[in-house]
N, C-alpha and C. Protein backbone atom coordinates (compact mmCIF):
# COMPACT_ATOMS: atom_id res chain seq x y z
N MET A 1 -3.20 60.46 -21.69
CA MET A 1 -2.01 59.65 -21.78
C MET A 1 -1.48 59.27 -20.40
N LYS A 2 -1.56 60.27 -19.46
CA LYS A 2 -1.11 59.99 -18.11
C LYS A 2 -1.98 58.93 -17.47
N LYS A 3 -3.29 58.95 -17.79
CA LYS A 3 -4.20 57.94 -17.22
C LYS A 3 -3.85 56.56 -17.73
N LEU A 4 -3.53 56.42 -19.02
CA LEU A 4 -3.17 55.12 -19.58
C LEU A 4 -1.85 54.61 -18.97
N LEU A 5 -0.90 55.51 -18.78
CA LEU A 5 0.36 55.12 -18.16
C LEU A 5 0.13 54.69 -16.72
N PHE A 6 -0.71 55.40 -16.00
CA PHE A 6 -1.03 55.04 -14.61
C PHE A 6 -1.72 53.66 -14.55
N ILE A 7 -2.67 53.41 -15.44
CA ILE A 7 -3.37 52.12 -15.48
C ILE A 7 -2.39 51.01 -15.82
N PHE A 8 -1.50 51.24 -16.78
CA PHE A 8 -0.52 50.23 -17.17
C PHE A 8 0.40 49.88 -16.00
N ILE A 9 0.92 50.88 -15.29
CA ILE A 9 1.80 50.65 -14.15
C ILE A 9 1.02 49.97 -13.01
N PHE A 10 -0.21 50.37 -12.80
CA PHE A 10 -1.05 49.76 -11.77
C PHE A 10 -1.27 48.27 -12.06
N LEU A 11 -1.58 47.93 -13.30
CA LEU A 11 -1.80 46.53 -13.67
C LEU A 11 -0.51 45.70 -13.56
N LEU A 12 0.63 46.28 -13.92
CA LEU A 12 1.90 45.57 -13.74
C LEU A 12 2.19 45.33 -12.27
N GLY A 13 1.87 46.28 -11.42
CA GLY A 13 2.08 46.13 -9.97
C GLY A 13 1.20 45.04 -9.41
N ILE A 14 -0.05 44.94 -9.82
CA ILE A 14 -0.96 43.88 -9.35
C ILE A 14 -0.46 42.53 -9.85
N GLY A 15 -0.02 42.51 -11.11
CA GLY A 15 0.53 41.25 -11.64
C GLY A 15 1.77 40.80 -10.89
N GLY A 16 2.59 41.74 -10.47
CA GLY A 16 3.78 41.40 -9.68
C GLY A 16 3.42 40.89 -8.30
N LEU A 17 2.38 41.44 -7.71
CA LEU A 17 1.94 40.96 -6.41
C LEU A 17 1.34 39.56 -6.49
N ALA A 18 0.76 39.21 -7.61
CA ALA A 18 0.13 37.92 -7.77
C ALA A 18 1.13 36.78 -7.95
N GLN A 19 2.38 37.11 -8.24
CA GLN A 19 3.39 36.06 -8.44
C GLN A 19 3.73 35.43 -7.10
N GLN A 20 3.98 34.12 -7.11
CA GLN A 20 4.34 33.42 -5.90
C GLN A 20 5.83 33.62 -5.61
N THR A 21 6.11 33.89 -4.37
CA THR A 21 7.49 34.05 -3.96
C THR A 21 7.96 32.86 -3.11
N ASP A 22 7.03 32.01 -2.68
CA ASP A 22 7.40 30.86 -1.89
C ASP A 22 7.94 29.74 -2.76
N LYS A 23 8.71 28.87 -2.15
CA LYS A 23 9.21 27.71 -2.86
C LYS A 23 8.04 26.76 -3.14
N PRO A 24 8.11 25.99 -4.22
CA PRO A 24 7.03 25.04 -4.49
C PRO A 24 6.97 23.98 -3.41
N VAL A 25 5.76 23.53 -3.15
CA VAL A 25 5.54 22.52 -2.12
C VAL A 25 5.98 21.16 -2.65
N ARG A 26 6.81 20.46 -1.90
CA ARG A 26 7.27 19.13 -2.29
C ARG A 26 6.29 18.10 -1.76
N ILE A 27 5.84 17.22 -2.63
CA ILE A 27 4.88 16.18 -2.24
C ILE A 27 5.62 14.86 -2.16
N ASP A 28 5.58 14.22 -0.99
CA ASP A 28 6.16 12.90 -0.82
C ASP A 28 5.18 11.89 -1.42
N LYS A 29 5.61 11.15 -2.43
CA LYS A 29 4.72 10.29 -3.18
C LYS A 29 4.92 8.80 -2.90
N ASN A 30 5.80 8.42 -2.00
CA ASN A 30 6.10 7.01 -1.76
C ASN A 30 6.03 6.69 -0.28
N ILE A 31 5.60 5.46 0.01
CA ILE A 31 5.61 4.94 1.38
C ILE A 31 6.17 3.52 1.30
N ILE A 32 7.12 3.23 2.15
CA ILE A 32 7.61 1.86 2.31
C ILE A 32 7.09 1.38 3.67
N LYS A 33 6.51 0.14 3.71
CA LYS A 33 5.86 -0.34 4.92
C LYS A 33 6.24 -1.78 5.20
N THR A 34 6.01 -2.17 6.43
CA THR A 34 6.11 -3.56 6.81
C THR A 34 4.94 -3.91 7.72
N ASP A 35 4.48 -5.14 7.61
CA ASP A 35 3.35 -5.60 8.41
C ASP A 35 3.87 -6.07 9.76
N VAL A 36 3.44 -5.41 10.83
CA VAL A 36 3.93 -5.75 12.17
C VAL A 36 3.02 -6.76 12.86
N THR A 37 1.91 -7.14 12.25
CA THR A 37 0.97 -8.08 12.87
C THR A 37 1.63 -9.43 13.13
N GLU A 38 2.28 -10.00 12.12
CA GLU A 38 2.90 -11.30 12.29
C GLU A 38 4.11 -11.23 13.21
N LEU A 39 4.79 -10.10 13.24
CA LEU A 39 5.90 -9.95 14.18
C LEU A 39 5.44 -10.06 15.62
N LEU A 40 4.24 -9.53 15.88
CA LEU A 40 3.72 -9.51 17.24
C LEU A 40 2.99 -10.80 17.63
N LEU A 41 2.39 -11.50 16.66
CA LEU A 41 1.50 -12.60 16.99
C LEU A 41 2.04 -13.99 16.70
N THR A 42 3.09 -14.16 15.90
CA THR A 42 3.57 -15.49 15.55
C THR A 42 5.07 -15.60 15.79
N THR A 43 5.53 -16.83 15.69
CA THR A 43 6.97 -17.09 15.81
C THR A 43 7.59 -17.46 14.48
N ARG A 44 6.83 -17.35 13.40
CA ARG A 44 7.35 -17.71 12.08
C ARG A 44 8.38 -16.70 11.62
N TYR A 45 9.31 -17.17 10.81
CA TYR A 45 10.29 -16.28 10.18
C TYR A 45 9.68 -15.78 8.89
N HIS A 46 9.64 -14.49 8.72
CA HIS A 46 9.02 -13.95 7.51
C HIS A 46 9.59 -12.57 7.17
N LEU A 47 9.35 -12.20 5.92
CA LEU A 47 9.68 -10.87 5.41
C LEU A 47 8.43 -10.37 4.71
N ASN A 48 7.93 -9.22 5.12
CA ASN A 48 6.73 -8.65 4.54
C ASN A 48 6.98 -7.18 4.28
N VAL A 49 7.03 -6.79 3.00
CA VAL A 49 7.34 -5.42 2.61
C VAL A 49 6.29 -4.94 1.62
N SER A 50 5.88 -3.69 1.76
CA SER A 50 4.95 -3.05 0.83
C SER A 50 5.52 -1.71 0.40
N TRP A 51 5.23 -1.35 -0.83
CA TRP A 51 5.62 -0.04 -1.37
C TRP A 51 4.37 0.56 -2.00
N GLU A 52 4.03 1.78 -1.59
CA GLU A 52 2.87 2.49 -2.13
C GLU A 52 3.35 3.77 -2.82
N HIS A 53 2.80 4.03 -4.00
CA HIS A 53 3.16 5.21 -4.78
C HIS A 53 1.89 5.98 -5.11
N LEU A 54 1.92 7.27 -4.90
CA LEU A 54 0.78 8.14 -5.20
C LEU A 54 0.64 8.29 -6.72
N MET A 55 -0.49 7.88 -7.27
CA MET A 55 -0.71 7.92 -8.71
C MET A 55 -1.52 9.16 -9.13
N SER A 56 -2.44 9.60 -8.29
CA SER A 56 -3.23 10.80 -8.56
C SER A 56 -3.50 11.46 -7.21
N LYS A 57 -4.34 12.47 -7.18
CA LYS A 57 -4.55 13.21 -5.94
C LYS A 57 -5.10 12.34 -4.81
N LYS A 58 -5.93 11.35 -5.14
CA LYS A 58 -6.55 10.52 -4.10
C LYS A 58 -6.46 9.03 -4.38
N ALA A 59 -5.46 8.60 -5.11
CA ALA A 59 -5.31 7.19 -5.43
C ALA A 59 -3.84 6.80 -5.45
N GLY A 60 -3.57 5.58 -5.01
CA GLY A 60 -2.20 5.09 -4.99
C GLY A 60 -2.12 3.63 -5.40
N LEU A 61 -0.98 3.24 -5.92
CA LEU A 61 -0.72 1.86 -6.32
C LEU A 61 0.20 1.25 -5.27
N GLN A 62 -0.19 0.08 -4.74
CA GLN A 62 0.63 -0.58 -3.73
C GLN A 62 1.08 -1.95 -4.22
N LEU A 63 2.38 -2.22 -4.07
CA LEU A 63 2.96 -3.53 -4.37
C LEU A 63 3.34 -4.19 -3.06
N ASP A 64 3.00 -5.48 -2.91
CA ASP A 64 3.27 -6.23 -1.69
C ASP A 64 4.13 -7.44 -2.01
N PHE A 65 5.04 -7.75 -1.09
CA PHE A 65 5.84 -8.97 -1.18
C PHE A 65 5.90 -9.60 0.21
N LEU A 66 5.60 -10.90 0.26
CA LEU A 66 5.65 -11.64 1.51
C LEU A 66 6.41 -12.94 1.29
N PHE A 67 7.33 -13.23 2.17
CA PHE A 67 8.05 -14.52 2.17
C PHE A 67 8.01 -15.04 3.60
N SER A 68 7.62 -16.30 3.77
CA SER A 68 7.46 -16.83 5.11
C SER A 68 7.86 -18.29 5.16
N ASN A 69 8.34 -18.69 6.33
CA ASN A 69 8.62 -20.08 6.65
C ASN A 69 7.58 -20.51 7.67
N TYR A 70 6.78 -21.50 7.35
CA TYR A 70 5.72 -21.93 8.27
C TYR A 70 6.26 -22.70 9.46
N GLY A 71 7.48 -23.19 9.37
CA GLY A 71 8.06 -23.91 10.50
C GLY A 71 8.54 -22.96 11.57
N ASP A 72 8.89 -23.51 12.75
CA ASP A 72 9.36 -22.70 13.85
C ASP A 72 10.88 -22.66 13.92
N ASP A 73 11.55 -23.14 12.91
CA ASP A 73 13.01 -23.10 12.91
C ASP A 73 13.48 -22.59 11.54
N LEU A 74 14.77 -22.56 11.36
CA LEU A 74 15.32 -22.01 10.12
C LEU A 74 15.48 -23.06 9.02
N VAL A 75 14.90 -24.24 9.20
CA VAL A 75 14.91 -25.26 8.15
C VAL A 75 13.79 -24.92 7.17
N TYR A 76 14.15 -24.60 5.94
CA TYR A 76 13.17 -24.13 4.97
C TYR A 76 12.55 -25.30 4.21
N ASP A 77 11.65 -26.03 4.88
CA ASP A 77 10.97 -27.14 4.24
C ASP A 77 9.48 -26.87 4.05
N ASP A 78 9.02 -25.74 4.50
CA ASP A 78 7.61 -25.35 4.32
C ASP A 78 7.58 -23.85 4.05
N LEU A 79 7.65 -23.47 2.77
CA LEU A 79 7.80 -22.07 2.37
C LEU A 79 6.52 -21.52 1.76
N TYR A 80 6.34 -20.22 1.91
CA TYR A 80 5.20 -19.54 1.32
C TYR A 80 5.69 -18.18 0.83
N ALA A 81 5.28 -17.79 -0.38
CA ALA A 81 5.59 -16.48 -0.93
C ALA A 81 4.37 -15.90 -1.60
N GLN A 82 4.29 -14.59 -1.59
CA GLN A 82 3.13 -13.91 -2.17
C GLN A 82 3.59 -12.59 -2.81
N LEU A 83 3.09 -12.31 -3.98
CA LEU A 83 3.35 -11.06 -4.68
C LEU A 83 2.01 -10.47 -5.06
N GLY A 84 1.75 -9.24 -4.66
CA GLY A 84 0.42 -8.65 -4.88
C GLY A 84 0.48 -7.22 -5.33
N VAL A 85 -0.60 -6.77 -5.92
CA VAL A 85 -0.76 -5.38 -6.34
C VAL A 85 -2.19 -4.94 -6.02
N SER A 86 -2.33 -3.71 -5.53
CA SER A 86 -3.65 -3.16 -5.24
C SER A 86 -3.66 -1.68 -5.62
N TYR A 87 -4.84 -1.20 -5.97
CA TYR A 87 -5.01 0.21 -6.34
C TYR A 87 -5.92 0.85 -5.29
N ARG A 88 -5.38 1.74 -4.48
CA ARG A 88 -6.10 2.32 -3.37
C ARG A 88 -6.81 3.62 -3.75
N PHE A 89 -8.07 3.72 -3.35
CA PHE A 89 -8.86 4.93 -3.51
C PHE A 89 -9.09 5.51 -2.12
N TYR A 90 -8.60 6.73 -1.87
CA TYR A 90 -8.73 7.38 -0.56
C TYR A 90 -9.96 8.29 -0.56
N PHE A 91 -10.71 8.23 0.53
CA PHE A 91 -11.91 9.04 0.70
C PHE A 91 -11.65 10.05 1.81
N ASN A 92 -10.97 11.13 1.49
CA ASN A 92 -10.72 12.18 2.47
C ASN A 92 -10.76 13.53 1.78
N LYS A 93 -10.73 14.58 2.56
CA LYS A 93 -10.78 15.92 1.98
C LYS A 93 -9.43 16.48 1.60
N HIS A 94 -8.35 15.80 1.97
CA HIS A 94 -6.99 16.27 1.68
C HIS A 94 -6.44 15.54 0.45
N ALA A 95 -6.02 16.28 -0.54
CA ALA A 95 -5.42 15.68 -1.75
C ALA A 95 -3.93 15.44 -1.50
N ASN A 96 -3.37 14.46 -2.21
CA ASN A 96 -1.94 14.16 -2.19
C ASN A 96 -1.39 13.79 -0.81
N MET A 97 -2.20 13.22 0.05
CA MET A 97 -1.74 12.93 1.41
C MET A 97 -1.59 11.43 1.70
N MET A 98 -2.29 10.56 0.99
CA MET A 98 -2.27 9.12 1.23
C MET A 98 -2.62 8.81 2.68
N LYS A 99 -3.72 9.39 3.15
CA LYS A 99 -4.18 9.13 4.50
C LYS A 99 -5.71 9.09 4.51
N GLY A 100 -6.24 8.46 5.53
CA GLY A 100 -7.68 8.37 5.69
C GLY A 100 -8.21 7.00 5.28
N PHE A 101 -9.53 6.91 5.18
CA PHE A 101 -10.20 5.66 4.80
C PHE A 101 -9.93 5.36 3.33
N TYR A 102 -9.72 4.07 3.01
CA TYR A 102 -9.47 3.68 1.62
C TYR A 102 -10.14 2.35 1.31
N VAL A 103 -10.39 2.15 0.02
CA VAL A 103 -10.86 0.89 -0.55
C VAL A 103 -9.89 0.54 -1.66
N ALA A 104 -9.49 -0.76 -1.72
CA ALA A 104 -8.48 -1.14 -2.69
C ALA A 104 -8.77 -2.51 -3.28
N PRO A 105 -9.16 -2.59 -4.56
CA PRO A 105 -9.19 -3.90 -5.22
C PRO A 105 -7.77 -4.43 -5.36
N ALA A 106 -7.62 -5.74 -5.19
CA ALA A 106 -6.28 -6.33 -5.17
C ALA A 106 -6.24 -7.68 -5.88
N VAL A 107 -5.10 -7.99 -6.47
CA VAL A 107 -4.83 -9.33 -7.02
C VAL A 107 -3.47 -9.76 -6.47
N ARG A 108 -3.35 -11.09 -6.24
CA ARG A 108 -2.10 -11.62 -5.70
C ARG A 108 -1.78 -12.95 -6.34
N LEU A 109 -0.51 -13.26 -6.36
CA LEU A 109 -0.03 -14.56 -6.83
C LEU A 109 0.67 -15.22 -5.65
N HIS A 110 0.18 -16.42 -5.27
CA HIS A 110 0.69 -17.15 -4.11
C HIS A 110 1.48 -18.36 -4.58
N TRP A 111 2.52 -18.70 -3.81
CA TRP A 111 3.31 -19.90 -4.06
C TRP A 111 3.58 -20.59 -2.73
N ARG A 112 3.33 -21.88 -2.68
CA ARG A 112 3.55 -22.66 -1.46
C ARG A 112 4.32 -23.91 -1.79
N TYR A 113 5.36 -24.19 -0.99
CA TYR A 113 6.17 -25.39 -1.16
C TYR A 113 6.27 -26.07 0.20
N ALA A 114 5.94 -27.35 0.23
CA ALA A 114 6.08 -28.13 1.46
C ALA A 114 6.77 -29.43 1.13
N ALA A 115 7.92 -29.66 1.71
CA ALA A 115 8.64 -30.92 1.49
C ALA A 115 8.17 -31.95 2.50
N GLY A 116 7.98 -33.18 2.03
CA GLY A 116 7.60 -34.28 2.94
C GLY A 116 6.23 -34.08 3.54
N SER A 117 5.24 -33.76 2.74
CA SER A 117 3.89 -33.59 3.25
C SER A 117 3.30 -34.94 3.65
N ASP A 118 2.05 -34.99 3.95
CA ASP A 118 1.40 -36.21 4.46
C ASP A 118 1.60 -37.40 3.53
N SER A 119 1.64 -37.19 2.25
CA SER A 119 1.82 -38.31 1.30
C SER A 119 3.30 -38.57 1.00
N ASN A 120 4.20 -37.98 1.78
CA ASN A 120 5.64 -38.12 1.60
C ASN A 120 6.11 -37.68 0.22
N HIS A 121 5.43 -36.75 -0.38
CA HIS A 121 5.83 -36.17 -1.64
C HIS A 121 5.91 -34.65 -1.48
N ASP A 122 6.70 -34.02 -2.31
CA ASP A 122 6.77 -32.57 -2.27
C ASP A 122 5.45 -31.97 -2.74
N TYR A 123 5.01 -30.91 -2.07
CA TYR A 123 3.79 -30.23 -2.40
C TYR A 123 4.17 -28.86 -2.95
N ASN A 124 3.72 -28.54 -4.15
CA ASN A 124 4.08 -27.29 -4.79
C ASN A 124 2.80 -26.70 -5.38
N ALA A 125 2.42 -25.50 -4.98
CA ALA A 125 1.20 -24.88 -5.46
C ALA A 125 1.47 -23.44 -5.88
N LEU A 126 0.88 -23.05 -6.98
CA LEU A 126 0.94 -21.68 -7.48
C LEU A 126 -0.48 -21.30 -7.86
N TYR A 127 -1.03 -20.27 -7.21
CA TYR A 127 -2.42 -19.91 -7.49
C TYR A 127 -2.64 -18.41 -7.32
N PRO A 128 -3.57 -17.84 -8.11
CA PRO A 128 -3.90 -16.42 -8.01
C PRO A 128 -5.12 -16.21 -7.11
N THR A 129 -5.19 -15.04 -6.51
CA THR A 129 -6.36 -14.63 -5.76
C THR A 129 -6.72 -13.20 -6.14
N GLY A 130 -7.97 -12.85 -5.94
CA GLY A 130 -8.45 -11.50 -6.16
C GLY A 130 -9.36 -11.11 -5.02
N GLY A 131 -9.40 -9.85 -4.68
CA GLY A 131 -10.24 -9.45 -3.57
C GLY A 131 -10.23 -7.96 -3.34
N ILE A 132 -10.51 -7.60 -2.10
CA ILE A 132 -10.63 -6.20 -1.74
C ILE A 132 -10.02 -5.95 -0.37
N ASN A 133 -9.41 -4.80 -0.22
CA ASN A 133 -8.85 -4.34 1.06
C ASN A 133 -9.64 -3.11 1.50
N LEU A 134 -9.92 -3.05 2.76
CA LEU A 134 -10.53 -1.88 3.38
C LEU A 134 -9.63 -1.47 4.53
N GLY A 135 -9.47 -0.18 4.74
CA GLY A 135 -8.62 0.22 5.84
C GLY A 135 -8.59 1.71 6.08
N TYR A 136 -7.79 2.07 7.05
CA TYR A 136 -7.59 3.47 7.40
C TYR A 136 -6.09 3.68 7.63
N GLN A 137 -5.53 4.66 6.97
CA GLN A 137 -4.10 4.96 7.11
C GLN A 137 -3.92 6.33 7.75
N TRP A 138 -3.17 6.34 8.85
CA TRP A 138 -2.85 7.58 9.54
C TRP A 138 -1.48 8.08 9.09
N LEU A 139 -1.33 9.38 9.05
CA LEU A 139 -0.05 10.03 8.76
C LEU A 139 0.41 10.70 10.04
N ILE A 140 1.57 10.28 10.55
CA ILE A 140 2.07 10.77 11.83
C ILE A 140 3.29 11.65 11.56
N LYS A 141 3.19 12.92 11.93
CA LYS A 141 4.27 13.90 11.75
C LYS A 141 4.75 13.99 10.30
N LYS A 142 3.87 13.79 9.34
CA LYS A 142 4.09 13.95 7.90
C LYS A 142 5.07 12.95 7.30
N LYS A 143 5.67 12.06 8.07
CA LYS A 143 6.66 11.11 7.53
C LYS A 143 6.35 9.66 7.88
N TRP A 144 5.67 9.38 8.96
CA TRP A 144 5.41 8.02 9.41
C TRP A 144 3.96 7.65 9.17
N THR A 145 3.68 6.42 8.84
CA THR A 145 2.30 5.99 8.59
C THR A 145 1.98 4.78 9.45
N LEU A 146 0.70 4.66 9.78
CA LEU A 146 0.14 3.51 10.47
C LEU A 146 -1.10 3.12 9.71
N ASP A 147 -1.12 1.89 9.18
CA ASP A 147 -2.17 1.42 8.29
C ASP A 147 -2.88 0.24 8.92
N LEU A 148 -4.13 0.43 9.34
CA LEU A 148 -4.97 -0.62 9.89
C LEU A 148 -5.86 -1.12 8.75
N TYR A 149 -5.80 -2.44 8.45
CA TYR A 149 -6.49 -2.93 7.27
C TYR A 149 -7.24 -4.24 7.52
N ALA A 150 -8.23 -4.49 6.69
CA ALA A 150 -8.93 -5.76 6.60
C ALA A 150 -8.86 -6.19 5.13
N ASP A 151 -8.54 -7.46 4.91
CA ASP A 151 -8.31 -7.97 3.57
C ASP A 151 -9.17 -9.21 3.35
N TRP A 152 -9.81 -9.31 2.20
CA TRP A 152 -10.59 -10.49 1.86
C TRP A 152 -10.24 -10.89 0.43
N GLN A 153 -9.85 -12.15 0.23
CA GLN A 153 -9.41 -12.66 -1.06
C GLN A 153 -10.19 -13.92 -1.42
N VAL A 154 -10.35 -14.16 -2.72
CA VAL A 154 -10.99 -15.37 -3.25
C VAL A 154 -9.99 -16.04 -4.18
N ASN A 155 -9.87 -17.36 -4.06
CA ASN A 155 -8.99 -18.13 -4.92
C ASN A 155 -9.58 -18.12 -6.33
N LEU A 156 -8.87 -17.54 -7.29
CA LEU A 156 -9.38 -17.41 -8.66
C LEU A 156 -9.22 -18.70 -9.47
N ARG A 157 -8.40 -19.60 -8.99
CA ARG A 157 -8.22 -20.86 -9.71
C ARG A 157 -9.43 -21.77 -9.55
N THR A 158 -10.03 -21.78 -8.37
CA THR A 158 -11.17 -22.66 -8.12
C THR A 158 -12.50 -21.99 -8.40
N ASN A 159 -12.54 -20.65 -8.49
CA ASN A 159 -13.78 -19.89 -8.72
C ASN A 159 -14.88 -20.22 -7.73
N ARG A 160 -14.49 -20.53 -6.51
CA ARG A 160 -15.46 -20.80 -5.47
C ARG A 160 -15.43 -19.67 -4.44
N LEU A 161 -16.59 -19.17 -4.09
CA LEU A 161 -16.65 -18.10 -3.09
C LEU A 161 -16.24 -18.61 -1.71
N ASN A 162 -16.51 -19.88 -1.43
CA ASN A 162 -16.13 -20.39 -0.11
C ASN A 162 -14.64 -20.69 0.00
N ALA A 163 -13.90 -20.47 -1.05
CA ALA A 163 -12.44 -20.66 -1.00
C ALA A 163 -11.72 -19.39 -0.59
N GLY A 164 -12.47 -18.41 -0.10
CA GLY A 164 -11.87 -17.13 0.28
C GLY A 164 -11.29 -17.16 1.67
N TYR A 165 -10.50 -16.18 1.97
CA TYR A 165 -9.94 -16.02 3.30
C TYR A 165 -9.84 -14.54 3.58
N GLY A 166 -9.74 -14.20 4.83
CA GLY A 166 -9.61 -12.81 5.22
C GLY A 166 -8.53 -12.65 6.24
N SER A 167 -8.10 -11.42 6.42
CA SER A 167 -7.08 -11.13 7.42
C SER A 167 -7.24 -9.70 7.90
N LEU A 168 -6.76 -9.46 9.10
CA LEU A 168 -6.69 -8.13 9.69
C LEU A 168 -5.24 -7.87 10.02
N GLY A 169 -4.82 -6.62 9.95
CA GLY A 169 -3.42 -6.34 10.25
C GLY A 169 -3.11 -4.88 10.42
N ILE A 170 -1.86 -4.64 10.79
CA ILE A 170 -1.34 -3.29 11.00
C ILE A 170 -0.01 -3.19 10.27
N LYS A 171 0.14 -2.17 9.45
CA LYS A 171 1.41 -1.93 8.75
C LYS A 171 1.97 -0.59 9.25
N PHE A 172 3.26 -0.57 9.45
CA PHE A 172 3.97 0.62 9.88
C PHE A 172 4.89 1.04 8.75
N GLY A 173 4.91 2.35 8.42
CA GLY A 173 5.68 2.77 7.27
C GLY A 173 6.33 4.13 7.40
N TYR A 174 7.14 4.43 6.36
CA TYR A 174 7.85 5.70 6.26
C TYR A 174 7.54 6.33 4.91
N LYS A 175 7.13 7.58 4.91
CA LYS A 175 6.76 8.30 3.70
C LYS A 175 7.94 9.14 3.22
N PHE A 176 8.24 9.02 1.93
CA PHE A 176 9.35 9.80 1.35
C PHE A 176 9.01 10.24 -0.07
C-alpha cells in the first residue's frame, strides 16, 4: 500500500512539473505596410497601403490599395486606383513569423480615368489582372518589416500574355 501511495504521489509531482508556468506566447498576426518605391523614385501624388494577416503557420492573406494621380500637380484629371488580394506562402523554418522568401498568387482590379485624352473625350477603364509575386520579407526587431518584391501581372480581360507588366519594389511595415 505504501508503494502505491508513493507511486501516486510521484506521478502527481511529475504531472505538476510538466505544467507550464510561463505566460502564453502572443503572436502578432497583422502587418500594415506602405510601398516606399514610388515615394523615392517619382513625383506623383499617391497613396499605397497594404495589410497582411497571418492565416496559418506559413501563409498570409494580403490586401492592397493604391490610389495615384499621374499628373505632377494636384489637379485630378488623370487618376489610377487598384485593389488587390494575394495569398502568400512563406518558405522558412520559423512558423508564425511572416518572414523569409515567399510566393504569392495575386488578383487585382484596376481603374483608370483620364479627362481630355488625345481624342478630347474622357477615358475610363476598369480591368482585372492576375499574376504572381515573389519576394523576401525581413522582420526587424520583431515589429518592423522590410519587404523586397517582384510582381508580374497579366491583363485578364484581353487574355494575352504580352499584355503583362512587372514591377519591383520595397514595402516598409509595422507588425502588430
